[in-house]
């Protein structure tokens, strides 16, 4: 994106935000944005861009202030037609930069120039220009100056001199947020950075475990928090007394493994092959309860090690992905029901606690175990619990090697990435991530299931990732309080 295009996008974004505030009592923010976008489209293809934000604002104001019966659309059309005539006044041969000629240099007083007079070409000058190549070259800057003067005249005549012809570009608004590590790649994507800059924002992020964000961090330093689950988001919203929250995208929990391991677990009845491999959590829980080792499985020549058949997770005391795994396994251990109440919590804890305590050291964020999966291989971690988005994003980056496999727990849970704003700037980030088509598309490009479902499917297909088209075997997550009780019970077992 060129500097001029970025400057224009920033000016349009600022103008739109201003109009949202001006018409807050009569129109929704979404309606104002649609009107402004439609106004901008009227000027698509015009080579002189300096005054497009101002002209588009004029069109949008006319539509937003006028009752439906008035002639505001006709006025807007007239303004667009005038601008179109202005654009065509400049000779098509000219390649001189428009910015090199200022309106003040071309004419002493803009009020003395009328659009009609400026648009009419001088026939004698045209004939003279066609007779001599050198003279035609000499006339080119004059034609450019004429076009710029006419644009300035249109702005003066239509809007008055109380509005600046070229809006100044203020510094970007810095917005600080703390996020789950799985979204780091999205926020650091240059396309995302440019898109947000075009809207006047620079988002600075820090990463932490989602449970850590919800329970132990000082959130007063941030404009928003963006954990990876709805329960954590709801807890933050309640504790901070935030008025709203946003769920811009989501991702189901998945398992990253390797083909030899998938084949071995298929023989053991844990993995079911299909359009996408499904990992039977109930059968796996039986193996763990019996203390089964990898080397004890039939056909274990692919992985003959004396280790428990466990899935590598993050630390359940700090990280959301481990909490999501606890939500899945507690549901299965509770006979296919969401855990609720002290009795159910007490019954399932002895069954699910070994899934975590048997692992040894665990990372605070999902970036750690998945990074090891990508670089080290199946030796230390043959099964790794991840977000589906991590695998799709890694495939898009060319990090998935032959023999790597994506599976889905059966059942699984949907991790809804929930943004809680604390300031108006944080709220704007949440709203843009949830509604802006470009940002939704970019999120899908990073493997998240956003409002642009078609783009998510395209990205997965482009990089050969078999994803679950329809998420059917998805269960509910326990309430925040119940999940916290379970996590505390597991934490006590660590000693």
Protein backbone atom coordinates (compact mmCIF):
# COMPACT_ATOMS: atom_id res chain seq x y z
CA UNK A 1 0.00 0.00 0.00
CA UNK A 2 1.48 3.38 -1.02
CA UNK A 3 1.94 6.24 1.42
CA UNK A 4 -0.75 8.25 -0.39
CA UNK A 5 -3.25 5.39 -0.19
CA UNK A 6 -2.48 4.87 3.49
CA UNK A 7 -2.94 8.59 4.15
CA UNK A 8 -6.29 8.54 2.34
CA UNK A 9 -7.49 5.48 4.29
CA UNK A 10 -6.49 7.13 7.56
CA UNK A 11 -8.34 10.33 6.65
CA UNK A 12 -11.46 8.35 5.70
CA UNK A 13 -11.28 6.36 8.93
CA UNK A 14 -10.98 9.51 11.03
CA UNK A 15 -13.83 11.13 9.12
CA UNK A 16 -16.00 8.05 9.65
CA UNK A 17 -15.28 8.01 13.39
CA UNK A 18 -16.15 11.70 13.58
CA UNK A 19 -19.45 11.12 11.79
CA UNK A 20 -20.24 8.21 14.12
CA UNK A 21 -19.93 10.59 17.07
CA UNK A 22 -21.89 13.39 15.37
CA UNK A 23 -24.82 11.15 14.46
CA UNK A 24 -24.70 8.84 17.49
CA UNK A 25 -28.21 9.90 18.55
CA UNK A 26 -29.83 9.19 15.19
CA UNK A 27 -27.84 6.45 13.45
CA UNK A 28 -25.96 3.33 14.50
CA UNK A 29 -22.20 3.16 13.96
CA UNK A 30 -22.67 0.37 11.43
CA UNK A 31 -25.12 2.47 9.40
CA UNK A 32 -22.78 5.47 9.37
CA UNK A 33 -19.90 3.26 8.21
CA UNK A 34 -22.03 1.84 5.37
CA UNK A 35 -23.06 5.32 4.25
CA UNK A 36 -19.46 6.57 4.30
CA UNK A 37 -18.22 3.51 2.40
CA UNK A 38 -20.90 4.04 -0.25
CA UNK A 39 -19.90 7.70 -0.52
CA UNK A 40 -16.24 6.77 -1.02
CA UNK A 41 -17.15 4.30 -3.76
CA UNK A 42 -18.60 7.20 -5.78
CA UNK A 43 -15.06 8.50 -6.26
CA UNK A 44 -13.35 5.21 -7.17
CA UNK A 45 -11.05 5.52 -10.16
CA UNK A 46 -10.56 9.29 -9.89
CA UNK A 47 -6.83 10.09 -10.29
CA UNK A 48 -6.84 13.21 -8.10
CA UNK A 49 -7.26 11.79 -4.57
CA UNK A 50 -6.37 14.70 -2.24
CA UNK A 51 -9.97 15.82 -1.65
CA UNK A 52 -11.79 12.47 -1.78
CA UNK A 53 -12.20 12.20 2.05
CA UNK A 54 -13.70 15.70 2.20
CA UNK A 55 -16.01 15.16 -0.76
CA UNK A 56 -17.10 11.75 0.55
CA UNK A 57 -17.86 13.30 3.93
CA UNK A 58 -20.06 15.89 2.21
CA UNK A 59 -22.01 13.15 0.45
CA UNK A 60 -22.37 11.11 3.66
CA UNK A 61 -23.49 14.12 5.72
CA UNK A 62 -26.13 14.91 3.14
CA UNK A 63 -27.60 11.43 3.37
CA UNK A 64 -27.38 11.18 7.17
CA UNK A 65 -28.93 14.59 7.87
CA UNK A 66 -31.67 14.63 5.25
CA UNK A 67 -35.06 12.89 5.74
CA UNK A 68 -35.73 10.09 3.22
CA UNK A 69 -38.04 12.36 1.18
CA UNK A 70 -35.41 15.03 0.49
CA UNK A 71 -33.08 15.28 -2.47
CA UNK A 72 -29.87 14.42 -0.63
CA UNK A 73 -29.06 11.55 -3.02
CA UNK A 74 -29.48 13.93 -5.96
CA UNK A 75 -27.14 16.42 -4.31
CA UNK A 76 -24.60 13.66 -3.72
CA UNK A 77 -24.85 12.55 -7.34
CA UNK A 78 -24.38 16.14 -8.51
CA UNK A 79 -21.28 16.52 -6.35
CA UNK A 80 -19.87 13.26 -7.70
CA UNK A 81 -20.54 14.30 -11.30
CA UNK A 82 -18.83 17.64 -10.70
CA UNK A 83 -15.81 15.90 -9.24
CA UNK A 84 -15.77 13.54 -12.23
CA UNK A 85 -15.69 16.48 -14.64
CA UNK A 86 -12.85 17.97 -12.60
CA UNK A 87 -10.88 14.76 -12.82
CA UNK A 88 -11.22 14.55 -16.60
CA UNK A 89 -10.05 18.17 -17.04
CA UNK A 90 -6.41 17.14 -16.57
CA UNK A 91 -4.65 15.98 -19.78
CA UNK A 92 -4.28 12.24 -19.82
CA UNK A 93 -0.68 12.54 -21.02
CA UNK A 94 0.44 14.18 -17.80
CA UNK A 95 2.62 12.19 -15.45
CA UNK A 96 3.62 15.03 -13.14
CA UNK A 97 2.73 14.43 -9.46
CA UNK A 98 -0.44 16.25 -8.49
CA UNK A 99 1.05 17.25 -5.16
CA UNK A 100 3.81 19.23 -6.92
CA UNK A 101 1.42 22.08 -7.77
CA UNK A 102 -0.39 23.79 -4.91
CA UNK A 103 -3.70 25.57 -5.51
CA UNK A 104 -2.30 28.80 -4.11
CA UNK A 105 0.51 28.81 -6.67
CA UNK A 106 -1.87 28.48 -9.59
CA UNK A 107 -4.44 31.13 -8.65
CA UNK A 108 -4.52 34.06 -6.24
CA UNK A 109 -8.10 33.59 -5.06
CA UNK A 110 -9.98 30.28 -5.35
CA UNK A 111 -13.30 32.12 -5.10
CA UNK A 112 -12.69 33.75 -8.51
CA UNK A 113 -12.58 30.38 -10.27
CA UNK A 114 -15.87 28.67 -11.04
CA UNK A 115 -16.11 24.95 -11.79
CA UNK A 116 -17.81 25.57 -15.13
CA UNK A 117 -15.11 27.94 -16.38
CA UNK A 118 -12.31 25.70 -15.22
CA UNK A 119 -13.71 22.57 -16.80
CA UNK A 120 -14.09 24.15 -20.27
CA UNK A 121 -10.85 23.57 -22.28
CA UNK A 122 -9.33 26.36 -24.36
CA UNK A 123 -9.64 25.16 -27.98
CA UNK A 124 -6.84 27.44 -29.19
CA UNK A 125 -4.48 25.99 -26.64
CA UNK A 126 -5.43 22.48 -27.69
CA UNK A 127 -4.67 23.24 -31.35
CA UNK A 128 -1.35 24.82 -30.44
CA UNK A 129 -0.42 21.88 -28.31
CA UNK A 130 -1.19 19.42 -31.09
CA UNK A 131 1.00 21.37 -33.53
CA UNK A 132 4.22 21.14 -31.57
CA UNK A 133 5.53 18.43 -29.28
CA UNK A 134 7.71 20.80 -27.24
CA UNK A 135 4.77 23.13 -26.60
CA UNK A 136 2.59 20.20 -25.59
CA UNK A 137 5.14 19.23 -22.99
CA UNK A 138 5.23 22.77 -21.71
CA UNK A 139 1.47 22.78 -21.29
CA UNK A 140 1.33 19.64 -19.14
CA UNK A 141 2.04 21.30 -15.77
CA UNK A 142 -0.59 23.93 -16.59
CA UNK A 143 -3.16 21.18 -17.15
CA UNK A 144 -2.25 19.56 -13.87
CA UNK A 145 -2.43 22.89 -12.10
CA UNK A 146 -5.86 23.50 -13.65
CA UNK A 147 -7.12 20.16 -12.35
CA UNK A 148 -5.88 20.88 -8.84
CA UNK A 149 -7.31 24.41 -8.88
CA UNK A 150 -10.68 23.07 -9.99
CA UNK A 151 -10.70 20.50 -7.20
CA UNK A 152 -9.90 23.27 -4.72
CA UNK A 153 -12.67 25.39 -6.22
CA UNK A 154 -15.17 22.55 -5.92
CA UNK A 155 -14.24 22.10 -2.27
CA UNK A 156 -14.54 25.85 -1.59
CA UNK A 157 -17.82 26.27 -3.45
CA UNK A 158 -19.42 23.09 -2.09
CA UNK A 159 -18.11 23.02 1.46
CA UNK A 160 -16.94 26.52 2.32
CA UNK A 161 -13.50 27.39 3.63
CA UNK A 162 -14.18 26.29 7.19
CA UNK A 163 -13.14 22.67 6.42
CA UNK A 164 -9.51 21.82 5.58
CA UNK A 165 -8.92 20.75 1.97
CA UNK A 166 -6.32 18.15 2.92
CA UNK A 167 -6.83 16.63 6.40
CA UNK A 168 -3.60 16.41 8.34
CA UNK A 169 -2.41 12.96 9.32
CA UNK A 170 -2.21 12.78 13.13
CA UNK A 171 -0.04 10.21 14.91
CA UNK A 172 -1.56 6.76 15.30
CA UNK A 173 -3.46 6.02 18.49
CA UNK A 174 -1.51 3.43 20.49
CA UNK A 175 -3.72 0.71 21.96
CA UNK A 176 -2.22 -1.79 24.40
CA UNK A 177 -3.57 -5.28 24.92
CA UNK A 178 -2.65 -8.56 26.58
CA UNK A 179 -3.50 -11.64 24.52
CA UNK A 180 -3.19 -15.40 24.41
CA UNK A 181 0.02 -16.39 22.58
CA UNK A 182 -1.85 -18.22 19.79
CA UNK A 183 -2.97 -14.81 18.43
CA UNK A 184 0.53 -13.30 18.37
CA UNK A 185 1.08 -14.15 14.70
CA UNK A 186 -2.15 -12.42 13.74
CA UNK A 187 -1.36 -9.15 15.48
CA UNK A 188 2.22 -9.14 14.16
CA UNK A 189 1.13 -9.80 10.57
CA UNK A 190 2.24 -6.77 8.47
CA UNK A 191 -1.10 -6.81 6.67
CA UNK A 192 -2.95 -6.58 9.98
CA UNK A 193 -0.62 -3.83 11.16
CA UNK A 194 -1.26 -1.84 7.96
CA UNK A 195 -5.01 -2.40 8.12
CA UNK A 196 -5.18 -1.12 11.69
CA UNK A 197 -2.88 1.80 10.82
CA UNK A 198 -5.28 2.71 8.03
CA UNK A 199 -7.90 3.06 10.75
CA UNK A 200 -5.62 5.22 12.86
CA UNK A 201 -4.54 2.51 15.33
CA UNK A 202 -1.27 0.94 16.41
CA UNK A 203 -1.89 -2.12 18.58
CA UNK A 204 0.88 -3.14 20.96
CA UNK A 205 0.45 -6.59 22.50
CA UNK A 206 1.91 -8.74 25.26
CA UNK A 207 1.25 -12.47 25.55
CA UNK A 208 0.33 -14.52 28.59
CA UNK A 209 -1.60 -17.64 29.50
CA UNK A 210 -5.32 -17.01 29.32
CA UNK A 211 -6.01 -18.19 32.87
CA UNK A 212 -3.13 -16.05 34.03
CA UNK A 213 -4.73 -13.06 32.27
CA UNK A 214 -8.04 -13.75 33.99
CA UNK A 215 -6.78 -14.41 37.49
CA UNK A 216 -3.41 -12.90 38.33
CA UNK A 217 -2.43 -10.06 35.99
CA UNK A 218 -2.72 -6.34 36.63
CA UNK A 219 -5.00 -5.37 33.74
CA UNK A 220 -4.99 -1.67 34.63
CA UNK A 221 -2.05 -1.17 32.24
CA UNK A 222 -4.00 -2.27 29.17
CA UNK A 223 -6.77 -1.04 26.91
CA UNK A 224 -8.10 -4.56 26.39
CA UNK A 225 -7.59 -8.19 27.37
CA UNK A 226 -7.99 -10.95 24.78
CA UNK A 227 -7.94 -14.42 26.39
CA UNK A 228 -8.78 -17.56 24.46
CA UNK A 229 -12.01 -18.65 26.08
CA UNK A 230 -15.46 -17.33 26.89
CA UNK A 231 -15.29 -18.26 30.63
CA UNK A 232 -12.05 -16.32 31.09
CA UNK A 233 -13.50 -13.40 29.16
CA UNK A 234 -16.67 -13.38 31.22
CA UNK A 235 -14.67 -13.45 34.44
CA UNK A 236 -12.56 -10.50 33.32
CA UNK A 237 -15.67 -8.62 32.25
CA UNK A 238 -17.28 -9.21 35.63
CA UNK A 239 -14.19 -8.32 37.65
CA UNK A 240 -13.41 -5.21 35.64
CA UNK A 241 -17.08 -4.25 35.33
CA UNK A 242 -16.66 -3.87 31.58
CA UNK A 243 -19.80 -2.98 29.71
CA UNK A 244 -19.27 -5.27 26.75
CA UNK A 245 -17.16 -7.98 25.21
CA UNK A 246 -16.45 -9.21 21.67
CA UNK A 247 -15.87 -12.66 20.16
CA UNK A 248 -14.16 -11.89 16.84
CA UNK A 249 -13.20 -15.49 16.08
CA UNK A 250 -12.97 -18.98 17.53
CA UNK A 251 -11.05 -22.22 17.19
CA UNK A 252 -11.87 -25.81 18.21
CA UNK A 253 -9.36 -27.75 20.28
CA UNK A 254 -7.40 -30.28 18.24
CA UNK A 255 -4.50 -32.73 18.56
CA UNK A 256 -1.28 -32.56 16.57
CA UNK A 257 0.37 -35.92 16.04
CA UNK A 258 2.33 -38.01 13.51
CA UNK A 259 1.19 -40.68 11.10
CA UNK A 260 2.91 -43.63 12.90
CA UNK A 261 1.23 -42.58 16.16
CA UNK A 262 -2.14 -42.16 14.44
CA UNK A 263 -1.80 -45.66 12.94
CA UNK A 264 -0.78 -47.15 16.30
CA UNK A 265 -3.77 -45.57 18.08
CA UNK A 266 -6.09 -46.67 15.28
CA UNK A 267 -5.09 -50.26 16.01
CA UNK A 268 -5.73 -49.62 19.71
CA UNK A 269 -9.25 -48.34 18.97
CA UNK A 270 -8.51 -44.82 20.15
CA UNK A 271 -8.43 -43.13 16.73
CA UNK A 272 -11.29 -43.46 14.23
CA UNK A 273 -10.41 -42.74 10.62
CA UNK A 274 -12.77 -40.68 8.50
CA UNK A 275 -12.81 -37.39 6.60
CA UNK A 276 -10.67 -36.18 9.49
CA UNK A 277 -9.25 -38.51 12.18
CA UNK A 278 -11.19 -38.47 15.46
CA UNK A 279 -9.51 -39.14 18.80
CA UNK A 280 -11.86 -41.03 21.15
CA UNK A 281 -11.38 -39.31 24.52
CA UNK A 282 -13.32 -42.04 26.39
CA UNK A 283 -11.08 -44.85 25.13
CA UNK A 284 -7.99 -42.80 25.84
CA UNK A 285 -9.19 -42.13 29.39
CA UNK A 286 -9.54 -45.89 29.89
CA UNK A 287 -5.90 -46.41 28.82
CA UNK A 288 -4.68 -43.75 31.25
CA UNK A 289 -6.80 -45.13 34.10
CA UNK A 290 -5.23 -48.56 33.55
CA UNK A 291 -1.72 -47.05 33.45
CA UNK A 292 -1.06 -48.25 29.89
CA UNK A 293 2.38 -47.55 28.42
CA UNK A 294 3.16 -46.90 24.76
CA UNK A 295 5.27 -50.03 24.52
CA UNK A 296 2.31 -52.12 25.74
CA UNK A 297 0.15 -51.25 22.72
CA UNK A 298 -0.11 -53.81 19.94
CA UNK A 299 2.23 -52.95 17.10
CA UNK A 300 4.19 -50.52 19.27
CA UNK A 301 7.34 -50.90 17.16
CA UNK A 302 6.65 -47.40 15.83
CA UNK A 303 6.99 -45.93 19.33
CA UNK A 304 8.30 -48.53 21.81
CA UNK A 305 8.82 -46.30 24.84
CA UNK A 306 8.12 -46.80 28.52
CA UNK A 307 5.89 -43.74 28.94
CA UNK A 308 2.23 -43.31 29.75
CA UNK A 309 -0.05 -42.74 26.75
CA UNK A 310 -0.64 -39.06 27.47
CA UNK A 311 -1.40 -35.92 25.51
CA UNK A 312 1.03 -33.05 26.07
CA UNK A 313 -0.75 -29.90 27.23
CA UNK A 314 0.09 -26.56 28.73
CA UNK A 315 0.09 -25.87 32.48
CA UNK A 316 -3.53 -26.05 33.69
CA UNK A 317 -2.72 -23.51 36.42
CA UNK A 318 -2.05 -20.74 33.89
CA UNK A 319 -3.19 -21.68 30.40
CA UNK A 320 -6.56 -21.83 28.67
CA UNK A 321 -5.79 -24.72 26.33
CA UNK A 322 -5.18 -27.02 29.31
CA UNK A 323 -8.40 -25.75 30.89
CA UNK A 324 -10.24 -26.62 27.64
CA UNK A 325 -8.76 -30.14 27.80
CA UNK A 326 -10.01 -30.41 31.38
CA UNK A 327 -13.46 -29.33 30.17
CA UNK A 328 -13.44 -32.14 27.58
CA UNK A 329 -12.15 -34.91 29.83
CA UNK A 330 -14.34 -33.95 32.79
CA UNK A 331 -17.40 -34.15 30.50
CA UNK A 332 -16.42 -37.69 29.45
CA UNK A 333 -15.53 -38.75 33.02
CA UNK A 334 -18.92 -37.44 34.18
CA UNK A 335 -20.77 -39.84 31.91
CA UNK A 336 -21.30 -37.44 29.02
CA UNK A 337 -22.60 -34.54 31.09
CA UNK A 338 -21.21 -31.10 31.83
CA UNK A 339 -19.80 -31.09 35.36
CA UNK A 340 -21.84 -29.07 37.82
CA UNK A 341 -21.85 -29.12 41.59
CA UNK A 342 -19.44 -30.22 44.28
CA UNK A 343 -20.39 -33.92 44.08
CA UNK A 344 -19.64 -34.14 40.36
CA UNK A 345 -16.40 -32.20 40.77
CA UNK A 346 -15.25 -34.57 43.50
CA UNK A 347 -16.13 -37.64 41.40
CA UNK A 348 -14.23 -36.66 38.25
CA UNK A 349 -11.07 -35.19 39.77
CA UNK A 350 -9.35 -38.56 40.51
CA UNK A 351 -9.94 -39.58 36.88
CA UNK A 352 -8.70 -36.45 35.13
CA UNK A 353 -5.87 -35.32 37.41
CA UNK A 354 -3.34 -37.96 36.15
CA UNK A 355 -3.79 -36.57 32.62
CA UNK A 356 -1.87 -33.52 33.79
CA UNK A 357 0.34 -34.58 36.69
CA UNK A 358 1.78 -37.46 34.67
CA UNK A 359 3.29 -35.09 32.09
CA UNK A 360 6.06 -33.50 34.11
CA UNK A 361 7.04 -29.97 33.08
CA UNK A 362 4.45 -28.01 31.09
CA UNK A 363 4.59 -24.58 29.42
CA UNK A 364 2.51 -21.58 30.39
CA UNK A 365 1.26 -20.95 26.84
CA UNK A 366 0.29 -23.10 23.88
CA UNK A 367 3.15 -21.65 21.86
CA UNK A 368 5.64 -23.84 23.79
CA UNK A 369 4.41 -27.42 23.21
CA UNK A 370 3.34 -26.73 19.63
CA UNK A 371 6.71 -25.16 18.84
CA UNK A 372 8.40 -28.31 20.14
CA UNK A 373 6.08 -30.43 18.00
CA UNK A 374 7.08 -28.49 14.89
CA UNK A 375 10.82 -28.58 15.48
CA UNK A 376 11.72 -31.68 17.52
CA UNK A 377 9.41 -34.41 16.25
CA UNK A 378 7.47 -37.15 17.99
CA UNK A 379 10.20 -38.24 20.42
CA UNK A 380 9.26 -36.07 23.42
CA UNK A 381 5.63 -35.33 22.50
CA UNK A 382 3.82 -37.76 20.19
CA UNK A 383 0.43 -36.15 20.97
CA UNK A 384 0.05 -32.38 21.55
CA UNK A 385 -3.15 -30.54 22.41
CA UNK A 386 -3.42 -27.38 20.29
CA UNK A 387 -5.86 -24.92 18.81
CA UNK A 388 -6.90 -25.86 15.29
CA UNK A 389 -5.84 -22.35 14.22
CA UNK A 390 -2.24 -23.04 15.22
CA UNK A 391 -1.98 -25.98 12.85
CA UNK A 392 -3.62 -24.18 9.92
CA UNK A 393 -1.42 -21.12 10.44
CA UNK A 394 1.70 -23.29 10.61
CA UNK A 395 0.67 -24.96 7.34
CA UNK A 396 0.26 -21.54 5.72
CA UNK A 397 3.82 -20.72 6.85
CA UNK A 398 5.19 -23.96 5.38
CA UNK A 399 6.03 -25.43 8.79
CA UNK A 400 3.99 -28.65 8.51
CA UNK A 401 6.18 -31.50 7.35
CA UNK A 402 5.14 -34.78 5.66
CA UNK A 403 3.86 -37.25 8.24
CA UNK A 404 2.34 -34.64 10.54
CA UNK A 405 -1.35 -35.20 11.24
CA UNK A 406 -4.22 -33.10 12.62
CA UNK A 407 -6.87 -34.91 14.69
CA UNK A 408 -9.91 -33.74 16.63
CA UNK A 409 -10.83 -34.94 20.12
CA UNK A 410 -14.20 -36.62 20.24
CA UNK A 411 -15.83 -34.78 21.85
CA UNK A 412 -14.12 -31.41 21.56
CA UNK A 413 -14.89 -27.88 22.71
CA UNK A 414 -14.93 -24.60 20.83
CA UNK A 415 -12.56 -22.05 22.27
CA UNK A 416 -14.15 -18.64 21.74
CA UNK A 417 -11.48 -15.96 21.76
CA UNK A 418 -13.08 -13.18 23.78
CA UNK A 419 -11.89 -9.57 23.80
CA UNK A 420 -12.83 -7.44 26.81
CA UNK A 421 -12.25 -3.68 26.33
CA UNK A 422 -11.36 -1.36 29.21
CA UNK A 423 -11.10 1.92 27.28
CA UNK A 424 -12.77 3.47 24.22
CA UNK A 425 -9.68 2.61 22.15
CA UNK A 426 -9.85 -1.01 23.30
CA UNK A 427 -13.54 -1.09 22.45
CA UNK A 428 -12.77 0.14 18.97
CA UNK A 429 -10.27 -2.67 18.44
CA UNK A 430 -12.87 -5.22 19.53
CA UNK A 431 -15.51 -3.74 17.25
CA UNK A 432 -13.19 -3.61 14.25
CA UNK A 433 -11.95 -7.18 14.72
CA UNK A 434 -15.57 -8.34 14.90
CA UNK A 435 -17.02 -6.37 11.98
CA UNK A 436 -14.32 -5.22 9.55
CA UNK A 437 -14.32 -7.55 6.48
CA UNK A 438 -10.59 -7.11 5.85
CA UNK A 439 -9.61 -8.00 9.42
CA UNK A 440 -12.03 -10.95 9.46
CA UNK A 441 -10.45 -12.22 6.25
CA UNK A 442 -6.95 -11.82 7.66
CA UNK A 443 -7.99 -13.70 10.82
CA UNK A 444 -9.22 -16.57 8.65
CA UNK A 445 -5.86 -16.49 6.92
CA UNK A 446 -4.28 -17.24 10.29
CA UNK A 447 -6.48 -20.28 10.78
CA UNK A 448 -9.21 -18.75 12.94
CA UNK A 449 -12.86 -19.44 12.27
CA UNK A 450 -14.11 -15.91 11.74
CA UNK A 451 -17.05 -14.35 9.94
CA UNK A 452 -15.28 -15.14 6.67
CA UNK A 453 -15.87 -18.90 6.66
CA UNK A 454 -15.15 -19.18 2.94
CA UNK A 455 -11.66 -17.76 3.42
CA UNK A 456 -10.92 -20.19 6.27
CA UNK A 457 -11.89 -23.10 4.00
CA UNK A 458 -9.73 -21.69 1.19
CA UNK A 459 -6.66 -21.35 3.42
CA UNK A 460 -6.98 -24.90 4.75
CA UNK A 461 -7.46 -26.32 1.24
CA UNK A 462 -4.61 -24.28 -0.25
CA UNK A 463 -2.17 -25.78 2.25
CA UNK A 464 -3.50 -29.32 2.28
CA UNK A 465 -4.96 -29.33 5.79
CA UNK A 466 -7.97 -31.57 6.31
CA UNK A 467 -10.19 -29.66 8.71
CA UNK A 468 -13.60 -30.53 10.10
CA UNK A 469 -16.02 -28.74 7.80
CA UNK A 470 -18.90 -29.13 10.24
CA UNK A 471 -18.15 -29.16 13.95
CA UNK A 472 -20.72 -31.60 15.28
CA UNK A 473 -19.20 -33.40 18.26
CA UNK A 474 -18.78 -30.23 20.34
CA UNK A 475 -19.75 -30.04 24.02
CA UNK A 476 -20.34 -27.12 26.36
CA UNK A 477 -17.71 -25.81 28.75
CA UNK A 478 -18.48 -25.81 32.49
CA UNK A 479 -19.24 -22.50 34.14
CA UNK A 480 -16.26 -20.38 35.12
CA UNK A 481 -16.66 -21.21 38.81
CA UNK A 482 -16.90 -24.97 38.21
CA UNK A 483 -13.91 -24.92 35.89
CA UNK A 484 -11.92 -22.98 38.47
CA UNK A 485 -12.80 -25.56 41.15
CA UNK A 486 -11.58 -28.35 38.88
CA UNK A 487 -8.40 -26.48 38.01
CA UNK A 488 -7.71 -25.79 41.67
CA UNK A 489 -8.22 -29.47 42.43
CA UNK A 490 -5.68 -30.43 39.75
CA UNK A 491 -3.26 -27.74 40.96
CA UNK A 492 -3.31 -29.17 44.50
CA UNK A 493 -2.16 -32.52 43.13
CA UNK A 494 1.05 -30.89 41.88
CA UNK A 495 2.03 -30.35 45.51
